[in-house]
Each structure stands twice: as structure tokens, then as C-alpha cells.
PDB file of all heavy atoms in Angstrom:
ATOM      1  N   SER A   1       1.310  12.553 -10.369  1.00  0.00           N
ATOM      2  CA  SER A   1       1.152  11.708  -9.160  1.00  0.00           C
ATOM      3  C   SER A   1       1.424  10.299  -9.524  1.00  0.00           C
ATOM      4  O   SER A   1       1.330   9.778 -10.632  1.00  0.00           O
ATOM      5  CB  SER A   1      -0.352  11.870  -8.717  1.00  0.00           C
ATOM      6  OG  SER A   1      -0.576  13.097  -8.303  1.00  0.00           O
ATOM      7  N   PHE A   2       1.773   9.506  -8.450  1.00  0.00           N
ATOM      8  CA  PHE A   2       2.276   8.138  -8.518  1.00  0.00           C
ATOM      9  C   PHE A   2       1.277   7.285  -7.709  1.00  0.00           C
ATOM     10  O   PHE A   2       1.098   7.465  -6.538  1.00  0.00           O
ATOM     11  CB  PHE A   2       3.702   8.152  -7.880  1.00  0.00           C
ATOM     12  CG  PHE A   2       4.488   6.885  -7.853  1.00  0.00           C
ATOM     13  CD1 PHE A   2       3.964   5.671  -8.355  1.00  0.00           C
ATOM     14  CD2 PHE A   2       5.729   6.854  -7.233  1.00  0.00           C
ATOM     15  CE1 PHE A   2       4.742   4.549  -8.345  1.00  0.00           C
ATOM     16  CE2 PHE A   2       6.443   5.726  -7.188  1.00  0.00           C
ATOM     17  CZ  PHE A   2       5.993   4.530  -7.713  1.00  0.00           C
ATOM     18  N   TYR A   3       0.725   6.251  -8.401  1.00  0.00           N
ATOM     19  CA  TYR A   3      -0.280   5.353  -7.866  1.00  0.00           C
ATOM     20  C   TYR A   3       0.167   3.954  -8.042  1.00  0.00           C
ATOM     21  O   TYR A   3       0.645   3.507  -9.053  1.00  0.00           O
ATOM     22  CB  TYR A   3      -1.652   5.490  -8.518  1.00  0.00           C
ATOM     23  CG  TYR A   3      -2.181   6.913  -8.487  1.00  0.00           C
ATOM     24  CD1 TYR A   3      -1.931   7.840  -9.600  1.00  0.00           C
ATOM     25  CD2 TYR A   3      -2.915   7.362  -7.434  1.00  0.00           C
ATOM     26  CE1 TYR A   3      -2.474   9.141  -9.594  1.00  0.00           C
ATOM     27  CE2 TYR A   3      -3.441   8.744  -7.392  1.00  0.00           C
ATOM     28  CZ  TYR A   3      -3.165   9.502  -8.532  1.00  0.00           C
ATOM     29  OH  TYR A   3      -3.674  10.813  -8.516  1.00  0.00           O
ATOM     30  N   VAL A   4      -0.036   3.105  -6.956  1.00  0.00           N
ATOM     31  CA  VAL A   4       0.395   1.691  -6.979  1.00  0.00           C
ATOM     32  C   VAL A   4      -0.801   0.773  -6.612  1.00  0.00           C
ATOM     33  O   VAL A   4      -1.562   1.151  -5.719  1.00  0.00           O
ATOM     34  CB  VAL A   4       1.482   1.503  -5.910  1.00  0.00           C
ATOM     35  CG1 VAL A   4       1.602  -0.012  -5.545  1.00  0.00           C
ATOM     36  CG2 VAL A   4       2.864   1.943  -6.376  1.00  0.00           C
ATOM     37  N   SER A   5      -0.929  -0.292  -7.315  1.00  0.00           N
ATOM     38  CA  SER A   5      -1.911  -1.341  -6.936  1.00  0.00           C
ATOM     39  C   SER A   5      -1.164  -2.430  -6.168  1.00  0.00           C
ATOM     40  O   SER A   5      -0.052  -2.768  -6.498  1.00  0.00           O
ATOM     41  CB  SER A   5      -2.515  -1.955  -8.262  1.00  0.00           C
ATOM     42  OG  SER A   5      -1.600  -2.678  -8.931  1.00  0.00           O
ATOM     43  N   GLU A   6      -1.889  -2.829  -5.046  1.00  0.00           N
ATOM     44  CA  GLU A   6      -1.135  -3.635  -4.122  1.00  0.00           C
ATOM     45  C   GLU A   6      -1.995  -4.866  -3.656  1.00  0.00           C
ATOM     46  O   GLU A   6      -3.107  -4.582  -3.187  1.00  0.00           O
ATOM     47  CB  GLU A   6      -0.586  -2.913  -2.956  1.00  0.00           C
ATOM     48  CG  GLU A   6       0.280  -3.699  -2.030  1.00  0.00           C
ATOM     49  CD  GLU A   6       1.184  -2.858  -1.082  1.00  0.00           C
ATOM     50  OE1 GLU A   6       1.262  -1.627  -1.362  1.00  0.00           O
ATOM     51  OE2 GLU A   6       1.660  -3.426  -0.065  1.00  0.00           O
ATOM     52  N   ASN A   7      -1.469  -6.054  -3.668  1.00  0.00           N
ATOM     53  CA  ASN A   7      -2.229  -7.276  -3.307  1.00  0.00           C
ATOM     54  C   ASN A   7      -2.094  -7.476  -1.748  1.00  0.00           C
ATOM     55  O   ASN A   7      -0.993  -7.432  -1.167  1.00  0.00           O
ATOM     56  CB  ASN A   7      -1.667  -8.578  -3.924  1.00  0.00           C
ATOM     57  CG  ASN A   7      -1.681  -8.396  -5.501  1.00  0.00           C
ATOM     58  OD1 ASN A   7      -0.862  -8.842  -6.191  1.00  0.00           O
ATOM     59  ND2 ASN A   7      -2.756  -7.747  -6.035  1.00  0.00           N
ATOM     60  N   GLY A   8      -3.226  -7.673  -1.119  1.00  0.00           N
ATOM     61  CA  GLY A   8      -3.221  -7.954   0.368  1.00  0.00           C
ATOM     62  C   GLY A   8      -3.029  -9.429   0.593  1.00  0.00           C
ATOM     63  O   GLY A   8      -2.986 -10.239  -0.270  1.00  0.00           O
ATOM     64  N   LEU A   9      -2.977  -9.854   1.929  1.00  0.00           N
ATOM     65  CA  LEU A   9      -2.758 -11.219   2.269  1.00  0.00           C
ATOM     66  C   LEU A   9      -4.083 -11.956   2.307  1.00  0.00           C
ATOM     67  O   LEU A   9      -4.198 -12.983   1.619  1.00  0.00           O
ATOM     68  CB  LEU A   9      -2.139 -11.196   3.711  1.00  0.00           C
ATOM     69  CG  LEU A   9      -2.036 -12.643   4.317  1.00  0.00           C
ATOM     70  CD1 LEU A   9      -1.140 -13.531   3.524  1.00  0.00           C
ATOM     71  CD2 LEU A   9      -1.452 -12.521   5.795  1.00  0.00           C
ATOM     72  N   SER A  10      -4.994 -11.482   3.052  1.00  0.00           N
ATOM     73  CA  SER A  10      -6.296 -12.220   3.154  1.00  0.00           C
ATOM     74  C   SER A  10      -7.485 -11.402   3.394  1.00  0.00           C
ATOM     75  O   SER A  10      -8.659 -11.890   3.352  1.00  0.00           O
ATOM     76  CB  SER A  10      -6.185 -13.309   4.355  1.00  0.00           C
ATOM     77  OG  SER A  10      -5.936 -12.556   5.542  1.00  0.00           O
ATOM     78  N   ALA A  11      -7.268 -10.049   3.564  1.00  0.00           N
ATOM     79  CA  ALA A  11      -8.453  -9.155   3.946  1.00  0.00           C
ATOM     80  C   ALA A  11      -8.596  -8.000   2.989  1.00  0.00           C
ATOM     81  O   ALA A  11      -9.776  -7.608   2.636  1.00  0.00           O
ATOM     82  CB  ALA A  11      -8.331  -8.680   5.302  1.00  0.00           C
ATOM     83  N   TRP A  12      -7.547  -7.400   2.455  1.00  0.00           N
ATOM     84  CA  TRP A  12      -7.653  -6.186   1.709  1.00  0.00           C
ATOM     85  C   TRP A  12      -6.672  -5.989   0.614  1.00  0.00           C
ATOM     86  O   TRP A  12      -5.433  -6.175   0.828  1.00  0.00           O
ATOM     87  CB  TRP A  12      -7.466  -4.960   2.688  1.00  0.00           C
ATOM     88  CG  TRP A  12      -8.381  -4.995   3.869  1.00  0.00           C
ATOM     89  CD1 TRP A  12      -8.117  -5.327   5.161  1.00  0.00           C
ATOM     90  CD2 TRP A  12      -9.747  -4.574   3.869  1.00  0.00           C
ATOM     91  NE1 TRP A  12      -9.202  -5.274   5.945  1.00  0.00           N
ATOM     92  CE2 TRP A  12     -10.284  -4.744   5.185  1.00  0.00           C
ATOM     93  CE3 TRP A  12     -10.605  -4.090   2.920  1.00  0.00           C
ATOM     94  CZ2 TRP A  12     -11.578  -4.486   5.576  1.00  0.00           C
ATOM     95  CZ3 TRP A  12     -11.934  -3.792   3.255  1.00  0.00           C
ATOM     96  CH2 TRP A  12     -12.423  -4.015   4.500  1.00  0.00           C
ATOM     97  N   ASP A  13      -7.125  -5.791  -0.611  1.00  0.00           N
ATOM     98  CA  ASP A  13      -6.371  -5.249  -1.695  1.00  0.00           C
ATOM     99  C   ASP A  13      -6.431  -3.695  -1.617  1.00  0.00           C
ATOM    100  O   ASP A  13      -7.381  -3.145  -1.093  1.00  0.00           O
ATOM    101  CB  ASP A  13      -6.864  -5.741  -3.067  1.00  0.00           C
ATOM    102  CG  ASP A  13      -6.445  -7.157  -3.374  1.00  0.00           C
ATOM    103  OD1 ASP A  13      -5.596  -7.732  -2.619  1.00  0.00           O
ATOM    104  OD2 ASP A  13      -6.979  -7.714  -4.328  1.00  0.00           O
ATOM    105  N   GLU A  14      -5.436  -3.052  -2.205  1.00  0.00           N
ATOM    106  CA  GLU A  14      -5.543  -1.624  -2.087  1.00  0.00           C
ATOM    107  C   GLU A  14      -4.797  -0.856  -3.171  1.00  0.00           C
ATOM    108  O   GLU A  14      -4.018  -1.449  -3.962  1.00  0.00           O
ATOM    109  CB  GLU A  14      -4.823  -1.163  -0.759  1.00  0.00           C
ATOM    110  CG  GLU A  14      -3.383  -1.656  -0.580  1.00  0.00           C
ATOM    111  CD  GLU A  14      -2.820  -1.527   0.876  1.00  0.00           C
ATOM    112  OE1 GLU A  14      -3.499  -1.968   1.792  1.00  0.00           O
ATOM    113  OE2 GLU A  14      -1.784  -0.906   1.040  1.00  0.00           O
ATOM    114  N   VAL A  15      -5.131   0.478  -3.346  1.00  0.00           N
ATOM    115  CA  VAL A  15      -4.343   1.423  -4.185  1.00  0.00           C
ATOM    116  C   VAL A  15      -3.772   2.434  -3.247  1.00  0.00           C
ATOM    117  O   VAL A  15      -4.444   3.036  -2.403  1.00  0.00           O
ATOM    118  CB  VAL A  15      -5.233   2.054  -5.194  1.00  0.00           C
ATOM    119  CG1 VAL A  15      -4.562   3.196  -5.846  1.00  0.00           C
ATOM    120  CG2 VAL A  15      -5.641   1.062  -6.254  1.00  0.00           C
ATOM    121  N   ASN A  16      -2.500   2.705  -3.405  1.00  0.00           N
ATOM    122  CA  ASN A  16      -1.745   3.672  -2.676  1.00  0.00           C
ATOM    123  C   ASN A  16      -1.254   4.761  -3.532  1.00  0.00           C
ATOM    124  O   ASN A  16      -0.979   4.602  -4.711  1.00  0.00           O
ATOM    125  CB  ASN A  16      -0.493   3.070  -1.980  1.00  0.00           C
ATOM    126  CG  ASN A  16      -0.937   2.105  -0.817  1.00  0.00           C
ATOM    127  OD1 ASN A  16      -1.398   2.555   0.127  1.00  0.00           O
ATOM    128  ND2 ASN A  16      -0.645   0.811  -1.052  1.00  0.00           N
ATOM    129  N   MET A  17      -1.312   6.028  -2.961  1.00  0.00           N
ATOM    130  CA  MET A  17      -0.712   7.171  -3.646  1.00  0.00           C
ATOM    131  C   MET A  17       0.685   7.351  -3.088  1.00  0.00           C
ATOM    132  O   MET A  17       0.797   7.548  -1.835  1.00  0.00           O
ATOM    133  CB  MET A  17      -1.571   8.392  -3.505  1.00  0.00           C
ATOM    134  CG  MET A  17      -1.109   9.629  -4.265  1.00  0.00           C
ATOM    135  SD  MET A  17      -2.271  10.960  -4.239  1.00  0.00           S
ATOM    136  CE  MET A  17      -1.492  12.151  -5.278  1.00  0.00           C
ATOM    137  N   ILE A  18       1.732   7.237  -3.843  1.00  0.00           N
ATOM    138  CA  ILE A  18       3.109   7.144  -3.323  1.00  0.00           C
ATOM    139  C   ILE A  18       3.786   8.515  -3.198  1.00  0.00           C
ATOM    140  O   ILE A  18       3.709   9.328  -4.124  1.00  0.00           O
ATOM    141  CB  ILE A  18       3.922   6.233  -4.313  1.00  0.00           C
ATOM    142  CG1 ILE A  18       3.287   4.849  -4.440  1.00  0.00           C
ATOM    143  CG2 ILE A  18       5.337   6.097  -3.712  1.00  0.00           C
ATOM    144  CD1 ILE A  18       3.048   4.144  -3.069  1.00  0.00           C
ATOM    145  N   HIS A  19       4.437   8.691  -2.118  1.00  0.00           N
ATOM    146  CA  HIS A  19       5.244   9.901  -1.845  1.00  0.00           C
ATOM    147  C   HIS A  19       6.653   9.411  -1.395  1.00  0.00           C
ATOM    148  O   HIS A  19       6.815   8.373  -0.757  1.00  0.00           O
ATOM    149  CB  HIS A  19       4.724  10.795  -0.750  1.00  0.00           C
ATOM    150  CG  HIS A  19       3.308  11.217  -1.069  1.00  0.00           C
ATOM    151  ND1 HIS A  19       3.076  12.250  -1.895  1.00  0.00           N
ATOM    152  CD2 HIS A  19       2.059  10.746  -0.685  1.00  0.00           C
ATOM    153  CE1 HIS A  19       1.769  12.504  -2.027  1.00  0.00           C
ATOM    154  NE2 HIS A  19       1.102  11.556  -1.330  1.00  0.00           N
ATOM    155  N   ALA A  20       7.687  10.115  -1.835  1.00  0.00           N
ATOM    156  CA  ALA A  20       9.060   9.673  -1.581  1.00  0.00           C
ATOM    157  C   ALA A  20       9.368   9.519  -0.036  1.00  0.00           C
ATOM    158  O   ALA A  20       8.944  10.410   0.765  1.00  0.00           O
ATOM    159  CB  ALA A  20       9.976  10.788  -2.146  1.00  0.00           C
ATOM    160  N   GLY A  21       9.954   8.413   0.203  1.00  0.00           N
ATOM    161  CA  GLY A  21      10.356   8.129   1.611  1.00  0.00           C
ATOM    162  C   GLY A  21       9.350   7.700   2.600  1.00  0.00           C
ATOM    163  O   GLY A  21       9.612   7.463   3.733  1.00  0.00           O
ATOM    164  N   LYS A  22       8.110   7.471   2.107  1.00  0.00           N
ATOM    165  CA  LYS A  22       7.001   7.119   3.106  1.00  0.00           C
ATOM    166  C   LYS A  22       6.805   5.635   3.216  1.00  0.00           C
ATOM    167  O   LYS A  22       7.176   4.793   2.389  1.00  0.00           O
ATOM    168  CB  LYS A  22       5.638   7.739   2.535  1.00  0.00           C
ATOM    169  CG  LYS A  22       5.688   9.284   2.447  1.00  0.00           C
ATOM    170  CD  LYS A  22       6.025   9.890   3.819  1.00  0.00           C
ATOM    171  CE  LYS A  22       6.014  11.438   3.810  1.00  0.00           C
ATOM    172  NZ  LYS A  22       6.335  12.039   5.135  1.00  0.00           N
ATOM    173  N   ASN A  23       6.236   5.285   4.309  1.00  0.00           N
ATOM    174  CA  ASN A  23       5.904   3.855   4.723  1.00  0.00           C
ATOM    175  C   ASN A  23       4.472   3.606   4.483  1.00  0.00           C
ATOM    176  O   ASN A  23       3.581   4.387   4.840  1.00  0.00           O
ATOM    177  CB  ASN A  23       6.226   3.716   6.207  1.00  0.00           C
ATOM    178  CG  ASN A  23       5.600   2.481   6.839  1.00  0.00           C
ATOM    179  OD1 ASN A  23       5.474   1.494   6.142  1.00  0.00           O
ATOM    180  ND2 ASN A  23       5.264   2.604   8.133  1.00  0.00           N
ATOM    181  N   TYR A  24       4.109   2.481   3.777  1.00  0.00           N
ATOM    182  CA  TYR A  24       2.715   2.139   3.447  1.00  0.00           C
ATOM    183  C   TYR A  24       2.224   1.000   4.167  1.00  0.00           C
ATOM    184  O   TYR A  24       1.183   0.367   3.769  1.00  0.00           O
ATOM    185  CB  TYR A  24       2.683   2.007   1.856  1.00  0.00           C
ATOM    186  CG  TYR A  24       2.802   3.397   1.281  1.00  0.00           C
ATOM    187  CD1 TYR A  24       4.024   3.931   0.941  1.00  0.00           C
ATOM    188  CD2 TYR A  24       1.671   4.165   1.031  1.00  0.00           C
ATOM    189  CE1 TYR A  24       4.192   5.166   0.539  1.00  0.00           C
ATOM    190  CE2 TYR A  24       1.741   5.449   0.553  1.00  0.00           C
ATOM    191  CZ  TYR A  24       3.025   5.899   0.317  1.00  0.00           C
ATOM    192  OH  TYR A  24       3.144   7.298  -0.189  1.00  0.00           O
ATOM    193  N   GLY A  25       2.844   0.667   5.373  1.00  0.00           N
ATOM    194  CA  GLY A  25       2.192  -0.103   6.320  1.00  0.00           C
ATOM    195  C   GLY A  25       2.416  -1.574   6.485  1.00  0.00           C
ATOM    196  O   GLY A  25       2.261  -2.136   7.540  1.00  0.00           O
ATOM    197  N   TRP A  26       2.714  -2.257   5.407  1.00  0.00           N
ATOM    198  CA  TRP A  26       2.868  -3.730   5.495  1.00  0.00           C
ATOM    199  C   TRP A  26       4.200  -3.989   6.145  1.00  0.00           C
ATOM    200  O   TRP A  26       5.246  -3.267   5.946  1.00  0.00           O
ATOM    201  CB  TRP A  26       2.916  -4.284   4.012  1.00  0.00           C
ATOM    202  CG  TRP A  26       3.043  -5.845   4.059  1.00  0.00           C
ATOM    203  CD1 TRP A  26       4.194  -6.512   3.718  1.00  0.00           C
ATOM    204  CD2 TRP A  26       2.119  -6.757   4.446  1.00  0.00           C
ATOM    205  NE1 TRP A  26       3.957  -7.820   3.877  1.00  0.00           N
ATOM    206  CE2 TRP A  26       2.680  -8.014   4.293  1.00  0.00           C
ATOM    207  CE3 TRP A  26       0.831  -6.711   4.912  1.00  0.00           C
ATOM    208  CZ2 TRP A  26       2.072  -9.190   4.628  1.00  0.00           C
ATOM    209  CZ3 TRP A  26       0.147  -7.835   5.242  1.00  0.00           C
ATOM    210  CH2 TRP A  26       0.736  -9.068   5.024  1.00  0.00           C
ATOM    211  N   ASN A  27       4.292  -4.944   7.196  1.00  0.00           N
ATOM    212  CA  ASN A  27       3.160  -5.910   7.385  1.00  0.00           C
ATOM    213  C   ASN A  27       2.510  -5.612   8.765  1.00  0.00           C
ATOM    214  O   ASN A  27       1.801  -6.579   9.269  1.00  0.00           O
ATOM    215  CB  ASN A  27       3.658  -7.367   7.222  1.00  0.00           C
ATOM    216  CG  ASN A  27       4.510  -7.824   8.390  1.00  0.00           C
ATOM    217  OD1 ASN A  27       5.041  -7.038   9.128  1.00  0.00           O
ATOM    218  ND2 ASN A  27       4.682  -9.111   8.418  1.00  0.00           N
ATOM    219  N   GLU A  28       2.638  -4.495   9.302  1.00  0.00           N
ATOM    220  CA  GLU A  28       1.769  -4.104  10.404  1.00  0.00           C
ATOM    221  C   GLU A  28       0.385  -4.029  10.079  1.00  0.00           C
ATOM    222  O   GLU A  28      -0.484  -4.415  10.798  1.00  0.00           O
ATOM    223  CB  GLU A  28       2.360  -2.834  11.015  1.00  0.00           C
ATOM    224  CG  GLU A  28       3.630  -2.882  11.796  1.00  0.00           C
ATOM    225  CD  GLU A  28       3.452  -3.346  13.202  1.00  0.00           C
ATOM    226  OE1 GLU A  28       2.237  -3.572  13.626  1.00  0.00           O
ATOM    227  OE2 GLU A  28       4.512  -3.632  13.879  1.00  0.00           O
ATOM    228  N   CYS A  29       0.094  -3.422   8.879  1.00  0.00           N
ATOM    229  CA  CYS A  29      -1.229  -3.144   8.471  1.00  0.00           C
ATOM    230  C   CYS A  29      -1.549  -3.634   7.129  1.00  0.00           C
ATOM    231  O   CYS A  29      -0.645  -3.751   6.184  1.00  0.00           O
ATOM    232  CB  CYS A  29      -1.485  -1.631   8.470  1.00  0.00           C
ATOM    233  SG  CYS A  29      -1.186  -0.881  10.155  1.00  0.00           S
ATOM    234  N   GLU A  30      -2.800  -3.859   6.830  1.00  0.00           N
ATOM    235  CA  GLU A  30      -3.322  -4.265   5.517  1.00  0.00           C
ATOM    236  C   GLU A  30      -4.609  -3.534   5.244  1.00  0.00           C
ATOM    237  O   GLU A  30      -5.511  -3.572   6.090  1.00  0.00           O
ATOM    238  CB  GLU A  30      -3.574  -5.822   5.560  1.00  0.00           C
ATOM    239  CG  GLU A  30      -4.046  -6.408   4.268  1.00  0.00           C
ATOM    240  CD  GLU A  30      -4.288  -7.903   4.398  1.00  0.00           C
ATOM    241  OE1 GLU A  30      -3.801  -8.531   5.283  1.00  0.00           O
ATOM    242  OE2 GLU A  30      -5.080  -8.412   3.479  1.00  0.00           O
TER     243      GLU A  30
END
């Protein structure tokens, strides 16, 4: 499995589990 640590703008830091070809939301979502 593939895991990413990601810095947010002002409200949320996050960890994502990555799958090929998927969208992880920025910058619509944080």
C-alpha cells in the first residue's frame, strides 16, 4: 500500500492512501 503525508493550507493536514489515477481533492477540498 501507498501512503502520503500532505500539508494543508490553514485547516487540515492529512494522510492519504494512494490509488492509481485518483483525485485527492485539492484545491476544492482540504
